[in-house]
Amino acid sequence: MAFAKTDGRISTTGFVLLTGDVISRPAELVEGFGGAVDPAQARANAKRLMAIAQQHNAFVIYGHEPEQWLTLRKTPAFYA
């Protein structure tokens, strides 16, 4: 069973932002996305996502961050 709220909030966790491949790891924000096809556009997209995260005080889950993965809840634990 899946359910969502219209404002994007998970009831007790709050807002969660899944960056996917837009920001694979937080270091990319500092490194500047040099490996992207269009680094300037990648930086602009990342800046926009992080502004949204900050605006909503969101919990950010990066697409490919091994260190963060170790700290995330996994089955049977969950975010609610």
PDB file of N, CA and C in Angstrom:
ATOM      1  N   MET A   1       0.845  -1.173   0.000  1.00  0.00           N
ATOM      2  CA  MET A   1       0.000   0.000   0.000  1.00  0.00           C
ATOM      3  C   MET A   1       0.891   1.238   0.000  1.00  0.00           C
ATOM      4  N   ALA A   2       0.640   2.134  -0.909  1.00  0.00           N
ATOM      5  CA  ALA A   2       1.402   3.384  -0.978  1.00  0.00           C
ATOM      6  C   ALA A   2       0.447   4.550  -0.777  1.00  0.00           C
ATOM      7  N   PHE A   3       0.940   5.575  -0.129  1.00  0.00           N
ATOM      8  CA  PHE A   3       0.119   6.767   0.057  1.00  0.00           C
ATOM      9  C   PHE A   3       1.023   7.983   0.106  1.00  0.00           C
ATOM     10  N   ALA A   4       0.482   9.092  -0.272  1.00  0.00           N
ATOM     11  CA  ALA A   4       1.262  10.338  -0.284  1.00  0.00           C
ATOM     12  C   ALA A   4       0.369  11.479   0.163  1.00  0.00           C
ATOM     13  N   LYS A   5       0.992  12.511   0.664  1.00  0.00           N
ATOM     14  CA  LYS A   5       0.272  13.721   1.026  1.00  0.00           C
ATOM     15  C   LYS A   5       0.537  14.747  -0.062  1.00  0.00           C
ATOM     16  N   THR A   6      -0.388  15.626  -0.281  1.00  0.00           N
ATOM     17  CA  THR A   6      -0.248  16.590  -1.366  1.00  0.00           C
ATOM     18  C   THR A   6       0.901  17.564  -1.164  1.00  0.00           C
ATOM     19  N   ASP A   7       1.332  17.786   0.068  1.00  0.00           N
ATOM     20  CA  ASP A   7       2.419  18.737   0.287  1.00  0.00           C
ATOM     21  C   ASP A   7       3.795  18.085   0.242  1.00  0.00           C
ATOM     22  N   GLY A   8       3.891  16.769  -0.010  1.00  0.00           N
ATOM     23  CA  GLY A   8       5.172  16.093  -0.142  1.00  0.00           C
ATOM     24  C   GLY A   8       5.805  15.656   1.161  1.00  0.00           C
ATOM     25  N   ARG A   9       5.113  15.799   2.252  1.00  0.00           N
ATOM     26  CA  ARG A   9       5.655  15.471   3.568  1.00  0.00           C
ATOM     27  C   ARG A   9       5.394  14.014   3.937  1.00  0.00           C
ATOM     28  N   ILE A  10       6.369  13.396   4.566  1.00  0.00           N
ATOM     29  CA  ILE A  10       6.149  12.093   5.188  1.00  0.00           C
ATOM     30  C   ILE A  10       5.775  12.418   6.626  1.00  0.00           C
ATOM     31  N   SER A  11       4.730  11.809   7.134  1.00  0.00           N
ATOM     32  CA  SER A  11       4.093  12.268   8.371  1.00  0.00           C
ATOM     33  C   SER A  11       5.029  12.651   9.518  1.00  0.00           C
ATOM     34  N   THR A  12       5.965  11.820   9.923  1.00  0.00           N
ATOM     35  CA  THR A  12       6.843  12.208  11.023  1.00  0.00           C
ATOM     36  C   THR A  12       8.244  12.596  10.574  1.00  0.00           C
ATOM     37  N   THR A  13       8.667  12.142   9.406  1.00  0.00           N
ATOM     38  CA  THR A  13      10.009  12.462   8.907  1.00  0.00           C
ATOM     39  C   THR A  13      10.064  13.868   8.340  1.00  0.00           C
ATOM     40  N   GLY A  14       8.976  14.344   7.779  1.00  0.00           N
ATOM     41  CA  GLY A  14       8.958  15.646   7.127  1.00  0.00           C
ATOM     42  C   GLY A  14       9.261  15.489   5.649  1.00  0.00           C
ATOM     43  N   PHE A  15       9.749  16.547   5.037  1.00  0.00           N
ATOM     44  CA  PHE A  15      10.051  16.510   3.614  1.00  0.00           C
ATOM     45  C   PHE A  15      11.322  15.706   3.353  1.00  0.00           C
ATOM     46  N   VAL A  16      11.302  14.926   2.286  1.00  0.00           N
ATOM     47  CA  VAL A  16      12.464  14.149   1.871  1.00  0.00           C
ATOM     48  C   VAL A  16      12.718  14.464   0.411  1.00  0.00           C
ATOM     49  N   LEU A  17      13.969  14.778   0.077  1.00  0.00           N
ATOM     50  CA  LEU A  17      14.345  15.050  -1.309  1.00  0.00           C
ATOM     51  C   LEU A  17      15.285  13.953  -1.786  1.00  0.00           C
ATOM     52  N   LEU A  18      14.852  13.200  -2.789  1.00  0.00           N
ATOM     53  CA  LEU A  18      15.684  12.181  -3.417  1.00  0.00           C
ATOM     54  C   LEU A  18      16.337  12.832  -4.632  1.00  0.00           C
ATOM     55  N   THR A  19      17.652  12.975  -4.612  1.00  0.00           N
ATOM     56  CA  THR A  19      18.329  13.696  -5.697  1.00  0.00           C
ATOM     57  C   THR A  19      18.566  12.842  -6.931  1.00  0.00           C
ATOM     58  N   GLY A  20      18.510  11.532  -6.788  1.00  0.00           N
ATOM     59  CA  GLY A  20      18.781  10.665  -7.929  1.00  0.00           C
ATOM     60  C   GLY A  20      20.164  10.950  -8.499  1.00  0.00           C
ATOM     61  N   ASP A  21      20.248  11.078  -9.809  1.00  0.00           N
ATOM     62  CA  ASP A  21      21.536  11.354 -10.453  1.00  0.00           C
ATOM     63  C   ASP A  21      21.812  12.849 -10.615  1.00  0.00           C
ATOM     64  N   VAL A  22      20.878  13.704 -10.221  1.00  0.00           N
ATOM     65  CA  VAL A  22      21.127  15.150 -10.325  1.00  0.00           C
ATOM     66  C   VAL A  22      22.291  15.532  -9.418  1.00  0.00           C
ATOM     67  N   ILE A  23      22.269  15.023  -8.195  1.00  0.00           N
ATOM     68  CA  ILE A  23      23.387  15.202  -7.263  1.00  0.00           C
ATOM     69  C   ILE A  23      23.683  13.811  -6.710  1.00  0.00           C
ATOM     70  N   SER A  24      24.669  13.145  -7.287  1.00  0.00           N
ATOM     71  CA  SER A  24      24.974  11.780  -6.877  1.00  0.00           C
ATOM     72  C   SER A  24      25.558  11.713  -5.479  1.00  0.00           C
ATOM     73  N   ARG A  25      26.383  12.695  -5.149  1.00  0.00           N
ATOM     74  CA  ARG A  25      27.023  12.738  -3.833  1.00  0.00           C
ATOM     75  C   ARG A  25      27.233  14.193  -3.466  1.00  0.00           C
ATOM     76  N   PRO A  26      27.228  14.529  -2.191  1.00  0.00           N
ATOM     77  CA  PRO A  26      27.360  15.925  -1.780  1.00  0.00           C
ATOM     78  C   PRO A  26      28.658  16.575  -2.261  1.00  0.00           C
ATOM     79  N   ALA A  27      29.703  15.798  -2.461  1.00  0.00           N
ATOM     80  CA  ALA A  27      30.986  16.353  -2.926  1.00  0.00           C
ATOM     81  C   ALA A  27      30.845  17.022  -4.292  1.00  0.00           C
ATOM     82  N   GLU A  28      29.881  16.574  -5.087  1.00  0.00           N
ATOM     83  CA  GLU A  28      29.684  17.195  -6.401  1.00  0.00           C
ATOM     84  C   GLU A  28      29.348  18.675  -6.291  1.00  0.00           C
ATOM     85  N   LEU A  29      28.695  19.058  -5.208  1.00  0.00           N
ATOM     86  CA  LEU A  29      28.351  20.462  -5.013  1.00  0.00           C
ATOM     87  C   LEU A  29      29.611  21.320  -4.907  1.00  0.00           C
ATOM     88  N   VAL A  30      30.646  20.754  -4.331  1.00  0.00           N
ATOM     89  CA  VAL A  30      31.923  21.458  -4.171  1.00  0.00           C
ATOM     90  C   VAL A  30      32.784  21.308  -5.424  1.00  0.00           C
ATOM     91  N   GLU A  31      32.781  20.119  -5.996  1.00  0.00           N
ATOM     92  CA  GLU A  31      33.608  19.820  -7.164  1.00  0.00           C
ATOM     93  C   GLU A  31      33.136  20.524  -8.433  1.00  0.00           C
ATOM     94  N   GLY A  32      31.858  20.869  -8.500  1.00  0.00           N
ATOM     95  CA  GLY A  32      31.345  21.636  -9.627  1.00  0.00           C
ATOM     96  C   GLY A  32      30.843  20.851 -10.816  1.00  0.00           C
ATOM     97  N   PHE A  33      30.637  19.548 -10.687  1.00  0.00           N
ATOM     98  CA  PHE A  33      30.029  18.738 -11.749  1.00  0.00           C
ATOM     99  C   PHE A  33      30.859  18.714 -13.032  1.00  0.00           C
ATOM    100  N   GLY A  34      32.182  18.674 -12.898  1.00  0.00           N
ATOM    101  CA  GLY A  34      33.078  18.687 -14.044  1.00  0.00           C
ATOM    102  C   GLY A  34      32.856  17.555 -15.028  1.00  0.00           C
ATOM    103  N   GLY A  35      32.330  16.428 -14.587  1.00  0.00           N
ATOM    104  CA  GLY A  35      32.102  15.298 -15.481  1.00  0.00           C
ATOM    105  C   GLY A  35      30.763  15.336 -16.198  1.00  0.00           C
ATOM    106  N   ALA A  36      29.966  16.348 -15.936  1.00  0.00           N
ATOM    107  CA  ALA A  36      28.645  16.451 -16.569  1.00  0.00           C
ATOM    108  C   ALA A  36      28.778  16.893 -18.021  1.00  0.00           C
ATOM    109  N   VAL A  37      27.796  16.553 -18.837  1.00  0.00           N
ATOM    110  CA  VAL A  37      27.767  16.990 -20.229  1.00  0.00           C
ATOM    111  C   VAL A  37      27.739  18.510 -20.290  1.00  0.00           C
ATOM    112  N   ASP A  38      26.951  19.131 -19.407  1.00  0.00           N
ATOM    113  CA  ASP A  38      26.851  20.583 -19.336  1.00  0.00           C
ATOM    114  C   ASP A  38      27.029  20.991 -17.869  1.00  0.00           C
ATOM    115  N   PRO A  39      28.282  21.192 -17.435  1.00  0.00           N
ATOM    116  CA  PRO A  39      28.534  21.496 -16.020  1.00  0.00           C
ATOM    117  C   PRO A  39      27.775  22.716 -15.505  1.00  0.00           C
ATOM    118  N   ALA A  40      27.626  23.744 -16.327  1.00  0.00           N
ATOM    119  CA  ALA A  40      26.908  24.942 -15.874  1.00  0.00           C
ATOM    120  C   ALA A  40      25.442  24.619 -15.597  1.00  0.00           C
ATOM    121  N   GLN A  41      24.820  23.833 -16.458  1.00  0.00           N
ATOM    122  CA  GLN A  41      23.416  23.456 -16.253  1.00  0.00           C
ATOM    123  C   GLN A  41      23.296  22.523 -15.054  1.00  0.00           C
ATOM    124  N   ALA A  42      24.250  21.623 -14.899  1.00  0.00           N
ATOM    125  CA  ALA A  42      24.238  20.714 -13.748  1.00  0.00           C
ATOM    126  C   ALA A  42      24.334  21.504 -12.443  1.00  0.00           C
ATOM    127  N   ARG A  43      25.205  22.510 -12.405  1.00  0.00           N
ATOM    128  CA  ARG A  43      25.331  23.353 -11.204  1.00  0.00           C
ATOM    129  C   ARG A  43      24.027  24.102 -10.934  1.00  0.00           C
ATOM    130  N   ALA A  44      23.408  24.619 -11.993  1.00  0.00           N
ATOM    131  CA  ALA A  44      22.145  25.348 -11.829  1.00  0.00           C
ATOM    132  C   ALA A  44      21.047  24.423 -11.299  1.00  0.00           C
ATOM    133  N   ASN A  45      20.974  23.207 -11.838  1.00  0.00           N
ATOM    134  CA  ASN A  45      19.959  22.254 -11.381  1.00  0.00           C
ATOM    135  C   ASN A  45      20.189  21.874  -9.919  1.00  0.00           C
ATOM    136  N   ALA A  46      21.440  21.635  -9.570  1.00  0.00           N
ATOM    137  CA  ALA A  46      21.771  21.268  -8.192  1.00  0.00           C
ATOM    138  C   ALA A  46      21.449  22.416  -7.239  1.00  0.00           C
ATOM    139  N   LYS A  47      21.785  23.620  -7.651  1.00  0.00           N
ATOM    140  CA  LYS A  47      21.499  24.800  -6.820  1.00  0.00           C
ATOM    141  C   LYS A  47      19.994  24.923  -6.574  1.00  0.00           C
ATOM    142  N   ARG A  48      19.212  24.708  -7.624  1.00  0.00           N
ATOM    143  CA  ARG A  48      17.755  24.789  -7.503  1.00  0.00           C
ATOM    144  C   ARG A  48      17.225  23.716  -6.543  1.00  0.00           C
ATOM    145  N   LEU A  49      17.699  22.478  -6.694  1.00  0.00           N
ATOM    146  CA  LEU A  49      17.253  21.410  -5.803  1.00  0.00           C
ATOM    147  C   LEU A  49      17.615  21.689  -4.354  1.00  0.00           C
ATOM    148  N   MET A  50      18.830  22.152  -4.127  1.00  0.00           N
ATOM    149  CA  MET A  50      19.251  22.416  -2.754  1.00  0.00           C
ATOM    150  C   MET A  50      18.486  23.595  -2.152  1.00  0.00           C
ATOM    151  N   ALA A  51      18.103  24.559  -2.969  1.00  0.00           N
ATOM    152  CA  ALA A  51      17.284  25.673  -2.477  1.00  0.00           C
ATOM    153  C   ALA A  51      15.912  25.173  -2.050  1.00  0.00           C
ATOM    154  N   ILE A  52      15.346  24.256  -2.825  1.00  0.00           N
ATOM    155  CA  ILE A  52      14.052  23.667  -2.474  1.00  0.00           C
ATOM    156  C   ILE A  52      14.188  22.881  -1.171  1.00  0.00           C
ATOM    157  N   ALA A  53      15.267  22.109  -1.057  1.00  0.00           N
ATOM    158  CA  ALA A  53      15.502  21.336   0.169  1.00  0.00           C
ATOM    159  C   ALA A  53      15.611  22.260   1.373  1.00  0.00           C
ATOM    160  N   GLN A  54      16.349  23.343   1.214  1.00  0.00           N
ATOM    161  CA  GLN A  54      16.521  24.283   2.322  1.00  0.00           C
ATOM    162  C   GLN A  54      15.197  24.958   2.672  1.00  0.00           C
ATOM    163  N   GLN A  55      14.445  25.341   1.660  1.00  0.00           N
ATOM    164  CA  GLN A  55      13.157  26.008   1.876  1.00  0.00           C
ATOM    165  C   GLN A  55      12.216  25.137   2.705  1.00  0.00           C
ATOM    166  N   HIS A  56      12.274  23.842   2.494  1.00  0.00           N
ATOM    167  CA  HIS A  56      11.366  22.924   3.188  1.00  0.00           C
ATOM    168  C   HIS A  56      12.048  22.161   4.326  1.00  0.00           C
ATOM    169  N   ASN A  57      13.295  22.536   4.636  1.00  0.00           N
ATOM    170  CA  ASN A  57      14.049  21.830   5.663  1.00  0.00           C
ATOM    171  C   ASN A  57      14.008  20.318   5.423  1.00  0.00           C
ATOM    172  N   ALA A  58      14.255  19.936   4.178  1.00  0.00           N
ATOM    173  CA  ALA A  58      14.112  18.549   3.751  1.00  0.00           C
ATOM    174  C   ALA A  58      15.322  17.695   4.114  1.00  0.00           C
ATOM    175  N   PHE A  59      15.064  16.448   4.326  1.00  0.00           N
ATOM    176  CA  PHE A  59      16.090  15.432   4.498  1.00  0.00           C
ATOM    177  C   PHE A  59      16.515  15.039   3.086  1.00  0.00           C
ATOM    178  N   VAL A  60      17.774  15.259   2.745  1.00  0.00           N
ATOM    179  CA  VAL A  60      18.269  15.001   1.390  1.00  0.00           C
ATOM    180  C   VAL A  60      18.918  13.626   1.336  1.00  0.00           C
ATOM    181  N   ILE A  61      18.453  12.812   0.387  1.00  0.00           N
ATOM    182  CA  ILE A  61      19.059  11.510   0.140  1.00  0.00           C
ATOM    183  C   ILE A  61      19.707  11.577  -1.237  1.00  0.00           C
ATOM    184  N   TYR A  62      21.033  11.445  -1.262  1.00  0.00           N
ATOM    185  CA  TYR A  62      21.794  11.545  -2.502  1.00  0.00           C
ATOM    186  C   TYR A  62      21.732  10.234  -3.272  1.00  0.00           C
ATOM    187  N   GLY A  63      21.881  10.330  -4.580  1.00  0.00           N
ATOM    188  CA  GLY A  63      21.726   9.174  -5.457  1.00  0.00           C
ATOM    189  C   GLY A  63      22.753   8.074  -5.277  1.00  0.00           C
ATOM    190  N   HIS A  64      23.998   8.432  -5.011  1.00  0.00           N
ATOM    191  CA  HIS A  64      25.058   7.414  -4.956  1.00  0.00           C
ATOM    192  C   HIS A  64      26.098   7.780  -3.895  1.00  0.00           C
ATOM    193  N   GLU A  65      25.673   7.882  -2.670  1.00  0.00           N
ATOM    194  CA  GLU A  65      26.586   8.272  -1.591  1.00  0.00           C
ATOM    195  C   GLU A  65      26.758   7.100  -0.626  1.00  0.00           C
ATOM    196  N   PRO A  66      27.835   6.315  -0.799  1.00  0.00           N
ATOM    197  CA  PRO A  66      28.023   5.119   0.029  1.00  0.00           C
ATOM    198  C   PRO A  66      28.030   5.399   1.532  1.00  0.00           C
ATOM    199  N   GLU A  67      28.632   6.488   1.960  1.00  0.00           N
ATOM    200  CA  GLU A  67      28.677   6.787   3.395  1.00  0.00           C
ATOM    201  C   GLU A  67      27.284   7.091   3.935  1.00  0.00           C
ATOM    202  N   GLN A  68      26.491   7.817   3.160  1.00  0.00           N
ATOM    203  CA  GLN A  68      25.135   8.112   3.607  1.00  0.00           C
ATOM    204  C   GLN A  68      24.293   6.834   3.632  1.00  0.00           C
ATOM    205  N   TRP A  69      24.490   5.965   2.643  1.00  0.00           N
ATOM    206  CA  TRP A  69      23.720   4.728   2.558  1.00  0.00           C
ATOM    207  C   TRP A  69      23.821   3.925   3.862  1.00  0.00           C
ATOM    208  N   LEU A  70      24.993   3.924   4.461  1.00  0.00           N
ATOM    209  CA  LEU A  70      25.189   3.186   5.709  1.00  0.00           C
ATOM    210  C   LEU A  70      24.319   3.734   6.839  1.00  0.00           C
ATOM    211  N   THR A  71      23.947   4.997   6.774  1.00  0.00           N
ATOM    212  CA  THR A  71      23.183   5.624   7.850  1.00  0.00           C
ATOM    213  C   THR A  71      21.672   5.605   7.611  1.00  0.00           C
ATOM    214  N   LEU A  72      21.244   5.236   6.413  1.00  0.00           N
ATOM    215  CA  LEU A  72      19.817   5.277   6.086  1.00  0.00           C
ATOM    216  C   LEU A  72      19.078   4.059   6.629  1.00  0.00           C
ATOM    217  N   ARG A  73      17.831   4.272   6.978  1.00  0.00           N
ATOM    218  CA  ARG A  73      16.980   3.161   7.438  1.00  0.00           C
ATOM    219  C   ARG A  73      16.656   2.262   6.242  1.00  0.00           C
ATOM    220  N   LYS A  74      16.708   0.988   6.490  1.00  0.00           N
ATOM    221  CA  LYS A  74      16.356   0.002   5.467  1.00  0.00           C
ATOM    222  C   LYS A  74      15.402  -1.012   6.082  1.00  0.00           C
ATOM    223  N   THR A  75      14.742  -1.767   5.255  1.00  0.00           N
ATOM    224  CA  THR A  75      13.780  -2.750   5.721  1.00  0.00           C
ATOM    225  C   THR A  75      14.377  -3.607   6.821  1.00  0.00           C
ATOM    226  N   PRO A  76      13.694  -3.826   7.895  1.00  0.00           N
ATOM    227  CA  PRO A  76      12.282  -3.534   8.152  1.00  0.00           C
ATOM    228  C   PRO A  76      12.048  -2.126   8.727  1.00  0.00           C
ATOM    229  N   ALA A  77      13.096  -1.358   8.995  1.00  0.00           N
ATOM    230  CA  ALA A  77      12.901   0.019   9.466  1.00  0.00           C
ATOM    231  C   ALA A  77      12.411   0.868   8.293  1.00  0.00           C
ATOM    232  N   PHE A  78      11.812   1.993   8.572  1.00  0.00           N
ATOM    233  CA  PHE A  78      11.298   2.836   7.499  1.00  0.00           C
ATOM    234  C   PHE A  78      11.134   4.261   7.989  1.00  0.00           C
ATOM    235  N   TYR A  79      10.883   5.147   7.056  1.00  0.00           N
ATOM    236  CA  TYR A  79      10.607   6.551   7.376  1.00  0.00           C
ATOM    237  C   TYR A  79       9.099   6.734   7.359  1.00  0.00           C
ATOM    238  N   ALA A  80       8.580   7.405   8.354  1.00  0.00           N
ATOM    239  CA  ALA A  80       7.123   7.585   8.437  1.00  0.00           C
ATOM    240  C   ALA A  80       6.786   9.030   8.707  1.00  0.00           C
TER     241      ALA A  80
END
